Amino acid sequence: NLETFRNGQLRAVAAGSRLSFSSTARNYNGTYSAQRQELVESTDGYLILQDWFIGAVTRPMYRAWLKQAVVSGVIRLPRDLDRSSLYTAVYSGPVMPWIDPVKEAEAWKIQIRGGAATESDWVRAGGRNPDDVKRRRKAEIDENRKLDLVFDTDPASDKGGSSAATKRQEPQHTDDQSEE
């Protein structure tokens, strides 16, 4: 059977390159759990390729461009710039998509509180710039306060899940029911 042979070859290619079979074959017919497991396992392969590409292509290209821009005077460096930081850049590639955003967010909170990650790591994992997010978030919160708008997305308004939407409802007892 040609399809069985083809899929076997694609699985071998995917395994050897640490890519996912689904992405390699463009076949997304598996169960949710199987697709999620495959995504998690293949992400390591993508990160390895991403790190290799950054080291072999992106970083050298950026540093050569920056050096030429500085030498030619296109970019003028501030006098107080720490020259040892000139070539340090954060390279952000594609990120693993969220499957269950609530579980992902809880996992990040646990890592941050435990000291295994930073808020900036979390923001970068979503493919965004931490400085931009903080600046926009502060502007949004300040504007809401100025207009007397209160939302449970403002941490000052939501003391650990005490908002109406997240408060756990306790069962109500009537006089006829005994408490156990």
N, C-alpha and C. Protein backbone atom coordinates (compact mmCIF):
# COMPACT_ATOMS: atom_id res chain seq x y z
N ASN A 1 0.86 -1.17 0.00
CA ASN A 1 0.00 0.00 0.00
C ASN A 1 0.90 1.23 0.00
N LEU A 2 0.72 2.09 -0.98
CA LEU A 2 1.57 3.27 -1.15
C LEU A 2 1.44 4.24 0.02
N GLU A 3 0.22 4.44 0.52
CA GLU A 3 0.03 5.39 1.62
C GLU A 3 0.75 4.92 2.89
N THR A 4 0.67 3.64 3.18
CA THR A 4 1.35 3.10 4.35
C THR A 4 2.87 3.26 4.22
N PHE A 5 3.40 2.96 3.02
CA PHE A 5 4.83 3.13 2.78
C PHE A 5 5.24 4.59 2.94
N ARG A 6 4.46 5.49 2.32
CA ARG A 6 4.75 6.93 2.38
C ARG A 6 4.76 7.42 3.83
N ASN A 7 3.73 7.04 4.60
CA ASN A 7 3.66 7.47 6.00
C ASN A 7 4.82 6.91 6.81
N GLY A 8 5.24 5.68 6.52
CA GLY A 8 6.39 5.11 7.20
C GLY A 8 7.66 5.90 6.92
N GLN A 9 7.84 6.29 5.67
CA GLN A 9 9.00 7.09 5.30
C GLN A 9 8.96 8.46 5.97
N LEU A 10 7.78 9.07 5.99
CA LEU A 10 7.64 10.39 6.63
C LEU A 10 7.88 10.31 8.13
N ARG A 11 7.42 9.23 8.76
CA ARG A 11 7.67 9.05 10.19
C ARG A 11 9.18 8.92 10.46
N ALA A 12 9.88 8.20 9.59
CA ALA A 12 11.33 8.05 9.75
C ALA A 12 12.04 9.39 9.58
N VAL A 13 11.62 10.16 8.60
CA VAL A 13 12.21 11.50 8.39
C VAL A 13 11.94 12.38 9.60
N ALA A 14 10.69 12.36 10.07
CA ALA A 14 10.31 13.19 11.22
C ALA A 14 11.12 12.79 12.46
N ALA A 15 11.24 11.50 12.71
CA ALA A 15 11.99 11.04 13.89
C ALA A 15 13.46 11.41 13.79
N GLY A 16 14.04 11.25 12.61
CA GLY A 16 15.46 11.55 12.43
C GLY A 16 15.78 13.03 12.51
N SER A 17 14.81 13.86 12.20
CA SER A 17 15.05 15.31 12.22
C SER A 17 14.45 15.98 13.45
N ARG A 18 13.84 15.17 14.33
CA ARG A 18 13.19 15.66 15.55
C ARG A 18 12.02 16.58 15.25
N LEU A 19 11.41 16.42 14.09
CA LEU A 19 10.21 17.18 13.74
C LEU A 19 9.00 16.31 14.04
N SER A 20 7.83 16.90 13.98
CA SER A 20 6.62 16.11 14.23
C SER A 20 6.14 15.47 12.93
N PHE A 21 5.61 14.26 13.05
CA PHE A 21 5.05 13.59 11.88
C PHE A 21 3.91 14.41 11.30
N SER A 22 3.06 14.95 12.17
CA SER A 22 1.91 15.73 11.70
C SER A 22 2.34 16.88 10.82
N SER A 23 3.36 17.63 11.27
CA SER A 23 3.83 18.77 10.49
C SER A 23 4.54 18.33 9.22
N THR A 24 5.34 17.27 9.32
CA THR A 24 6.07 16.79 8.16
C THR A 24 5.12 16.29 7.08
N ALA A 25 4.11 15.51 7.49
CA ALA A 25 3.17 14.92 6.54
C ALA A 25 1.96 15.80 6.25
N ARG A 26 1.81 16.87 7.04
CA ARG A 26 0.60 17.70 6.96
C ARG A 26 -0.64 16.83 7.20
N ASN A 27 -0.52 15.94 8.19
CA ASN A 27 -1.58 15.02 8.53
C ASN A 27 -1.94 15.26 10.00
N TYR A 28 -3.10 15.86 10.23
CA TYR A 28 -3.51 16.24 11.58
C TYR A 28 -4.72 15.43 12.04
N ASN A 29 -4.68 14.12 11.80
CA ASN A 29 -5.83 13.27 12.09
C ASN A 29 -5.79 12.59 13.44
N GLY A 30 -4.78 12.82 14.26
CA GLY A 30 -4.67 12.13 15.54
C GLY A 30 -5.62 12.68 16.59
N THR A 31 -5.67 12.01 17.73
CA THR A 31 -6.48 12.49 18.85
C THR A 31 -5.84 13.74 19.44
N TYR A 32 -6.60 14.46 20.24
CA TYR A 32 -6.09 15.67 20.89
C TYR A 32 -4.87 15.34 21.73
N SER A 33 -4.95 14.29 22.54
CA SER A 33 -3.84 13.92 23.42
C SER A 33 -2.59 13.55 22.63
N ALA A 34 -2.78 12.79 21.55
CA ALA A 34 -1.64 12.39 20.73
C ALA A 34 -1.02 13.60 20.05
N GLN A 35 -1.85 14.50 19.56
CA GLN A 35 -1.33 15.71 18.90
C GLN A 35 -0.56 16.57 19.90
N ARG A 36 -1.08 16.69 21.12
CA ARG A 36 -0.43 17.50 22.15
C ARG A 36 0.93 16.89 22.51
N GLN A 37 0.96 15.58 22.72
CA GLN A 37 2.21 14.91 23.06
C GLN A 37 3.23 15.07 21.95
N GLU A 38 2.79 14.93 20.71
CA GLU A 38 3.69 15.09 19.57
C GLU A 38 4.23 16.51 19.50
N LEU A 39 3.37 17.49 19.78
CA LEU A 39 3.80 18.89 19.77
C LEU A 39 4.86 19.14 20.83
N VAL A 40 4.63 18.63 22.04
CA VAL A 40 5.58 18.83 23.13
C VAL A 40 6.93 18.19 22.79
N GLU A 41 6.90 16.95 22.29
CA GLU A 41 8.14 16.26 21.96
C GLU A 41 8.88 16.92 20.80
N SER A 42 8.16 17.38 19.80
CA SER A 42 8.82 17.97 18.63
C SER A 42 9.35 19.37 18.91
N THR A 43 8.81 20.03 19.94
CA THR A 43 9.27 21.38 20.25
C THR A 43 10.77 21.40 20.56
N ASP A 44 11.27 20.38 21.25
CA ASP A 44 12.71 20.31 21.52
C ASP A 44 13.51 20.30 20.23
N GLY A 45 13.04 19.56 19.24
CA GLY A 45 13.72 19.52 17.95
C GLY A 45 13.73 20.87 17.28
N TYR A 46 12.60 21.56 17.34
CA TYR A 46 12.53 22.90 16.74
C TYR A 46 13.46 23.87 17.48
N LEU A 47 13.54 23.74 18.80
CA LEU A 47 14.42 24.62 19.57
C LEU A 47 15.89 24.37 19.24
N ILE A 48 16.25 23.11 19.01
CA ILE A 48 17.63 22.78 18.62
C ILE A 48 17.94 23.42 17.27
N LEU A 49 17.03 23.26 16.31
CA LEU A 49 17.24 23.87 14.99
C LEU A 49 17.27 25.39 15.09
N GLN A 50 16.41 25.94 15.92
CA GLN A 50 16.37 27.40 16.12
C GLN A 50 17.70 27.90 16.69
N ASP A 51 18.22 27.23 17.72
CA ASP A 51 19.50 27.63 18.31
C ASP A 51 20.63 27.52 17.29
N TRP A 52 20.62 26.44 16.50
CA TRP A 52 21.65 26.29 15.48
C TRP A 52 21.57 27.44 14.47
N PHE A 53 20.36 27.77 14.01
CA PHE A 53 20.19 28.82 13.01
C PHE A 53 20.63 30.18 13.57
N ILE A 54 20.30 30.43 14.82
CA ILE A 54 20.72 31.69 15.45
C ILE A 54 22.24 31.77 15.49
N GLY A 55 22.89 30.69 15.94
CA GLY A 55 24.35 30.69 16.04
C GLY A 55 25.06 30.73 14.70
N ALA A 56 24.51 30.05 13.70
CA ALA A 56 25.18 29.95 12.41
C ALA A 56 24.84 31.09 11.45
N VAL A 57 23.66 31.66 11.58
CA VAL A 57 23.22 32.66 10.59
C VAL A 57 22.85 34.00 11.23
N THR A 58 21.85 33.98 12.10
CA THR A 58 21.28 35.23 12.60
C THR A 58 22.28 36.07 13.39
N ARG A 59 22.91 35.48 14.41
CA ARG A 59 23.84 36.25 15.26
C ARG A 59 25.02 36.80 14.46
N PRO A 60 25.72 35.98 13.65
CA PRO A 60 26.84 36.54 12.87
C PRO A 60 26.39 37.64 11.91
N MET A 61 25.23 37.46 11.29
CA MET A 61 24.73 38.46 10.35
C MET A 61 24.41 39.77 11.08
N TYR A 62 23.74 39.67 12.23
CA TYR A 62 23.40 40.86 13.01
C TYR A 62 24.66 41.59 13.47
N ARG A 63 25.63 40.84 13.99
CA ARG A 63 26.85 41.47 14.49
C ARG A 63 27.65 42.13 13.37
N ALA A 64 27.71 41.48 12.21
CA ALA A 64 28.42 42.09 11.07
C ALA A 64 27.71 43.37 10.62
N TRP A 65 26.38 43.31 10.56
CA TRP A 65 25.60 44.50 10.16
C TRP A 65 25.82 45.63 11.17
N LEU A 66 25.73 45.31 12.46
CA LEU A 66 25.88 46.33 13.49
C LEU A 66 27.28 46.94 13.45
N LYS A 67 28.29 46.11 13.28
CA LYS A 67 29.67 46.61 13.21
C LYS A 67 29.82 47.58 12.04
N GLN A 68 29.30 47.22 10.89
CA GLN A 68 29.39 48.09 9.71
C GLN A 68 28.61 49.38 9.91
N ALA A 69 27.44 49.28 10.54
CA ALA A 69 26.62 50.47 10.78
C ALA A 69 27.31 51.43 11.74
N VAL A 70 28.00 50.90 12.74
CA VAL A 70 28.72 51.75 13.70
C VAL A 70 29.96 52.36 13.04
N VAL A 71 30.74 51.53 12.35
CA VAL A 71 31.98 52.01 11.71
C VAL A 71 31.68 53.07 10.65
N SER A 72 30.60 52.90 9.89
CA SER A 72 30.26 53.85 8.83
C SER A 72 29.57 55.10 9.35
N GLY A 73 29.21 55.10 10.63
CA GLY A 73 28.57 56.28 11.22
C GLY A 73 27.06 56.33 11.04
N VAL A 74 26.48 55.30 10.46
CA VAL A 74 25.02 55.25 10.31
C VAL A 74 24.36 55.20 11.68
N ILE A 75 24.97 54.49 12.60
CA ILE A 75 24.49 54.42 13.98
C ILE A 75 25.53 55.08 14.87
N ARG A 76 25.09 56.04 15.66
CA ARG A 76 25.98 56.71 16.62
C ARG A 76 25.68 56.14 18.01
N LEU A 77 26.70 55.67 18.66
CA LEU A 77 26.53 55.07 19.97
C LEU A 77 26.54 56.14 21.05
N PRO A 78 25.66 56.02 22.03
CA PRO A 78 25.68 56.96 23.16
C PRO A 78 27.00 56.83 23.92
N ARG A 79 27.49 57.95 24.44
CA ARG A 79 28.78 57.95 25.15
C ARG A 79 28.77 57.04 26.37
N ASP A 80 27.62 56.96 27.05
CA ASP A 80 27.56 56.18 28.28
C ASP A 80 27.24 54.70 28.04
N LEU A 81 27.24 54.27 26.79
CA LEU A 81 26.92 52.88 26.47
C LEU A 81 28.02 51.95 26.97
N ASP A 82 27.62 50.89 27.65
CA ASP A 82 28.55 49.85 28.06
C ASP A 82 28.90 49.05 26.80
N ARG A 83 30.10 49.24 26.28
CA ARG A 83 30.50 48.62 25.01
C ARG A 83 30.44 47.09 25.05
N SER A 84 30.57 46.51 26.23
CA SER A 84 30.52 45.05 26.32
C SER A 84 29.10 44.52 26.04
N SER A 85 28.11 45.41 26.09
CA SER A 85 26.74 44.99 25.83
C SER A 85 26.31 45.24 24.39
N LEU A 86 27.20 45.80 23.58
CA LEU A 86 26.84 46.21 22.23
C LEU A 86 26.31 45.05 21.38
N TYR A 87 26.93 43.91 21.47
CA TYR A 87 26.53 42.80 20.60
C TYR A 87 25.62 41.79 21.30
N THR A 88 25.19 42.11 22.50
CA THR A 88 24.27 41.19 23.18
C THR A 88 22.86 41.51 22.73
N ALA A 89 22.25 40.55 22.12
CA ALA A 89 20.88 40.71 21.65
C ALA A 89 20.09 39.48 22.05
N VAL A 90 18.80 39.64 22.21
CA VAL A 90 17.92 38.51 22.51
C VAL A 90 17.33 38.05 21.19
N TYR A 91 17.53 36.80 20.87
CA TYR A 91 17.01 36.24 19.63
C TYR A 91 15.78 35.40 19.98
N SER A 92 14.64 35.80 19.46
CA SER A 92 13.39 35.10 19.75
C SER A 92 12.84 34.48 18.48
N GLY A 93 12.69 33.17 18.50
CA GLY A 93 12.11 32.47 17.37
C GLY A 93 10.66 32.15 17.63
N PRO A 94 10.06 31.38 16.76
CA PRO A 94 8.67 30.97 16.96
C PRO A 94 8.53 30.20 18.27
N VAL A 95 7.37 30.30 18.86
CA VAL A 95 7.13 29.65 20.14
C VAL A 95 6.11 28.53 19.98
N MET A 96 6.12 27.61 20.94
CA MET A 96 5.16 26.52 20.91
C MET A 96 3.77 27.09 21.16
N PRO A 97 2.81 26.74 20.32
CA PRO A 97 1.46 27.28 20.53
C PRO A 97 0.82 26.71 21.79
N TRP A 98 -0.06 27.50 22.35
CA TRP A 98 -0.78 27.04 23.54
C TRP A 98 -1.88 26.09 23.13
N ILE A 99 -2.01 25.03 23.87
CA ILE A 99 -3.10 24.08 23.66
C ILE A 99 -4.21 24.39 24.66
N ASP A 100 -3.85 24.56 25.92
CA ASP A 100 -4.80 24.91 26.97
C ASP A 100 -4.24 26.12 27.70
N PRO A 101 -4.65 27.34 27.29
CA PRO A 101 -4.07 28.56 27.86
C PRO A 101 -4.17 28.66 29.38
N VAL A 102 -5.23 28.15 29.98
CA VAL A 102 -5.38 28.24 31.43
C VAL A 102 -4.30 27.40 32.12
N LYS A 103 -4.11 26.18 31.66
CA LYS A 103 -3.08 25.31 32.25
C LYS A 103 -1.68 25.87 32.00
N GLU A 104 -1.47 26.42 30.81
CA GLU A 104 -0.16 27.01 30.48
C GLU A 104 0.13 28.19 31.41
N ALA A 105 -0.88 29.05 31.62
CA ALA A 105 -0.70 30.23 32.48
C ALA A 105 -0.42 29.80 33.92
N GLU A 106 -1.13 28.81 34.41
CA GLU A 106 -0.90 28.31 35.77
C GLU A 106 0.52 27.75 35.90
N ALA A 107 0.97 27.02 34.90
CA ALA A 107 2.32 26.46 34.93
C ALA A 107 3.37 27.57 34.97
N TRP A 108 3.15 28.64 34.19
CA TRP A 108 4.10 29.76 34.21
C TRP A 108 4.10 30.45 35.57
N LYS A 109 2.93 30.64 36.17
CA LYS A 109 2.86 31.28 37.49
C LYS A 109 3.66 30.47 38.51
N ILE A 110 3.51 29.15 38.46
CA ILE A 110 4.23 28.28 39.40
C ILE A 110 5.74 28.40 39.18
N GLN A 111 6.18 28.42 37.92
CA GLN A 111 7.61 28.55 37.64
C GLN A 111 8.15 29.90 38.11
N ILE A 112 7.40 30.96 37.88
CA ILE A 112 7.85 32.29 38.29
C ILE A 112 7.92 32.39 39.81
N ARG A 113 6.87 31.93 40.49
CA ARG A 113 6.87 31.98 41.95
C ARG A 113 7.96 31.12 42.55
N GLY A 114 8.30 30.02 41.88
CA GLY A 114 9.34 29.12 42.37
C GLY A 114 10.74 29.55 41.99
N GLY A 115 10.85 30.62 41.23
CA GLY A 115 12.16 31.13 40.84
C GLY A 115 12.78 30.43 39.64
N ALA A 116 12.02 29.58 38.96
CA ALA A 116 12.56 28.85 37.81
C ALA A 116 12.39 29.62 36.50
N ALA A 117 11.66 30.72 36.55
CA ALA A 117 11.45 31.53 35.34
C ALA A 117 11.17 32.97 35.77
N THR A 118 11.20 33.87 34.82
CA THR A 118 10.89 35.28 35.09
C THR A 118 9.65 35.68 34.30
N GLU A 119 9.07 36.81 34.68
CA GLU A 119 7.94 37.33 33.91
C GLU A 119 8.35 37.57 32.46
N SER A 120 9.57 38.04 32.28
CA SER A 120 10.07 38.28 30.91
C SER A 120 10.15 36.98 30.12
N ASP A 121 10.55 35.88 30.77
CA ASP A 121 10.58 34.58 30.09
C ASP A 121 9.18 34.23 29.58
N TRP A 122 8.18 34.46 30.43
CA TRP A 122 6.80 34.14 30.10
C TRP A 122 6.34 34.96 28.90
N VAL A 123 6.62 36.24 28.92
CA VAL A 123 6.21 37.11 27.82
C VAL A 123 6.92 36.70 26.53
N ARG A 124 8.23 36.43 26.62
CA ARG A 124 8.98 36.01 25.43
C ARG A 124 8.47 34.68 24.89
N ALA A 125 8.06 33.78 25.77
CA ALA A 125 7.52 32.49 25.33
C ALA A 125 6.26 32.67 24.50
N GLY A 126 5.59 33.79 24.69
CA GLY A 126 4.42 34.11 23.88
C GLY A 126 4.77 34.88 22.63
N GLY A 127 6.07 35.08 22.39
CA GLY A 127 6.51 35.75 21.18
C GLY A 127 6.43 37.26 21.23
N ARG A 128 6.37 37.82 22.44
CA ARG A 128 6.25 39.28 22.58
C ARG A 128 7.48 39.85 23.28
N ASN A 129 7.60 41.17 23.22
CA ASN A 129 8.71 41.89 23.84
C ASN A 129 8.28 42.31 25.25
N PRO A 130 9.00 41.87 26.30
CA PRO A 130 8.60 42.20 27.67
C PRO A 130 8.50 43.70 27.94
N ASP A 131 9.43 44.48 27.40
CA ASP A 131 9.38 45.93 27.63
C ASP A 131 8.13 46.55 27.02
N ASP A 132 7.77 46.12 25.82
CA ASP A 132 6.56 46.63 25.17
C ASP A 132 5.31 46.25 25.96
N VAL A 133 5.26 45.00 26.41
CA VAL A 133 4.08 44.54 27.17
C VAL A 133 3.94 45.33 28.45
N LYS A 134 5.03 45.52 29.19
CA LYS A 134 4.96 46.27 30.46
C LYS A 134 4.54 47.71 30.22
N ARG A 135 5.11 48.33 29.20
CA ARG A 135 4.78 49.72 28.89
C ARG A 135 3.30 49.86 28.52
N ARG A 136 2.81 48.97 27.65
CA ARG A 136 1.40 49.04 27.23
C ARG A 136 0.46 48.70 28.38
N ARG A 137 0.85 47.72 29.20
CA ARG A 137 0.01 47.31 30.34
C ARG A 137 -0.11 48.45 31.35
N LYS A 138 1.01 49.12 31.65
CA LYS A 138 0.98 50.24 32.59
C LYS A 138 0.11 51.36 32.05
N ALA A 139 0.26 51.68 30.78
CA ALA A 139 -0.56 52.74 30.17
C ALA A 139 -2.04 52.39 30.24
N GLU A 140 -2.36 51.14 30.01
CA GLU A 140 -3.75 50.69 30.05
C GLU A 140 -4.33 50.80 31.46
N ILE A 141 -3.58 50.33 32.45
CA ILE A 141 -4.05 50.40 33.84
C ILE A 141 -4.19 51.84 34.29
N ASP A 142 -3.20 52.68 33.96
CA ASP A 142 -3.28 54.11 34.33
C ASP A 142 -4.50 54.78 33.70
N GLU A 143 -4.76 54.49 32.43
CA GLU A 143 -5.92 55.07 31.74
C GLU A 143 -7.22 54.60 32.38
N ASN A 144 -7.31 53.33 32.72
CA ASN A 144 -8.52 52.81 33.36
C ASN A 144 -8.76 53.49 34.71
N ARG A 145 -7.71 53.69 35.49
CA ARG A 145 -7.85 54.36 36.79
C ARG A 145 -8.28 55.81 36.60
N LYS A 146 -7.69 56.48 35.61
CA LYS A 146 -8.03 57.87 35.33
C LYS A 146 -9.52 58.00 34.98
N LEU A 147 -10.06 57.00 34.29
CA LEU A 147 -11.47 57.03 33.88
C LEU A 147 -12.38 56.31 34.87
N ASP A 148 -11.83 55.93 36.04
CA ASP A 148 -12.58 55.19 37.07
C ASP A 148 -13.18 53.90 36.52
N LEU A 149 -12.44 53.22 35.68
CA LEU A 149 -12.87 51.92 35.16
C LEU A 149 -12.18 50.84 35.98
N VAL A 150 -12.95 49.85 36.43
CA VAL A 150 -12.39 48.77 37.24
C VAL A 150 -12.70 47.45 36.56
N PHE A 151 -11.63 46.71 36.26
CA PHE A 151 -11.77 45.40 35.64
C PHE A 151 -11.01 44.39 36.48
N ASP A 152 -11.42 43.13 36.43
CA ASP A 152 -10.71 42.12 37.22
C ASP A 152 -9.38 41.73 36.58
N THR A 153 -9.06 42.30 35.42
CA THR A 153 -7.74 42.06 34.82
C THR A 153 -6.66 42.91 35.46
N ASP A 154 -7.05 43.89 36.27
CA ASP A 154 -6.09 44.70 37.02
C ASP A 154 -5.79 43.95 38.31
N PRO A 155 -4.55 43.51 38.52
CA PRO A 155 -4.23 42.74 39.72
C PRO A 155 -4.65 43.44 41.02
N ALA A 156 -4.68 44.77 41.04
CA ALA A 156 -5.10 45.49 42.24
C ALA A 156 -6.57 45.27 42.53
N SER A 157 -7.35 44.91 41.51
CA SER A 157 -8.79 44.69 41.68
C SER A 157 -9.13 43.23 41.90
N ASP A 158 -8.17 42.34 41.71
CA ASP A 158 -8.44 40.91 41.82
C ASP A 158 -7.45 40.29 42.80
N LYS A 159 -7.85 40.19 44.03
CA LYS A 159 -6.97 39.66 45.09
C LYS A 159 -6.96 38.14 45.07
N GLY A 160 -6.24 37.59 44.10
CA GLY A 160 -6.07 36.14 44.07
C GLY A 160 -7.32 35.36 43.79
N GLY A 161 -8.13 35.82 42.87
CA GLY A 161 -9.32 35.07 42.49
C GLY A 161 -10.54 35.42 43.30
N SER A 162 -10.60 36.62 43.88
CA SER A 162 -11.76 36.99 44.68
C SER A 162 -12.84 37.68 43.87
N SER A 163 -12.64 37.81 42.55
CA SER A 163 -13.67 38.45 41.74
C SER A 163 -14.88 37.55 41.63
N ALA A 164 -15.99 38.12 41.24
CA ALA A 164 -17.24 37.36 41.15
C ALA A 164 -17.11 36.20 40.17
N ALA A 165 -16.35 36.40 39.11
CA ALA A 165 -16.23 35.36 38.09
C ALA A 165 -15.43 34.16 38.58
N THR A 166 -14.50 34.38 39.50
CA THR A 166 -13.63 33.28 39.93
C THR A 166 -13.95 32.78 41.33
N LYS A 167 -14.82 33.45 42.05
CA LYS A 167 -15.13 33.03 43.42
C LYS A 167 -15.88 31.71 43.41
N ARG A 168 -15.42 30.78 44.23
CA ARG A 168 -16.04 29.47 44.30
C ARG A 168 -17.38 29.58 45.02
N GLN A 169 -18.39 29.02 44.42
CA GLN A 169 -19.71 29.04 45.01
C GLN A 169 -19.85 27.89 46.01
N GLU A 170 -20.22 28.21 47.23
CA GLU A 170 -20.46 27.19 48.24
C GLU A 170 -21.92 26.77 48.18
N PRO A 171 -22.21 25.49 48.41
CA PRO A 171 -23.61 25.05 48.39
C PRO A 171 -24.40 25.71 49.52
N GLN A 172 -25.61 26.08 49.22
CA GLN A 172 -26.49 26.70 50.20
C GLN A 172 -27.31 25.61 50.90
N HIS A 173 -27.43 25.70 52.21
CA HIS A 173 -28.19 24.73 52.98
C HIS A 173 -29.50 25.37 53.42
N THR A 174 -30.56 24.59 53.36
CA THR A 174 -31.85 25.05 53.87
C THR A 174 -32.03 24.46 55.26
N ASP A 175 -33.06 24.89 55.94
CA ASP A 175 -33.33 24.37 57.28
C ASP A 175 -33.59 22.87 57.27
N ASP A 176 -34.07 22.35 56.12
CA ASP A 176 -34.41 20.93 56.03
C ASP A 176 -33.18 20.04 55.84
N GLN A 177 -32.06 20.65 55.41
CA GLN A 177 -30.87 19.85 55.12
C GLN A 177 -29.92 19.89 56.31
N SER A 178 -29.31 18.79 56.59
CA SER A 178 -28.31 18.77 57.66
C SER A 178 -26.93 18.93 57.03
N GLU A 179 -26.06 19.59 57.75
CA GLU A 179 -24.69 19.74 57.27
C GLU A 179 -23.93 18.48 57.62
N GLU A 180 -23.14 17.98 56.69
CA GLU A 180 -22.36 16.76 56.93
C GLU A 180 -20.95 17.08 57.23
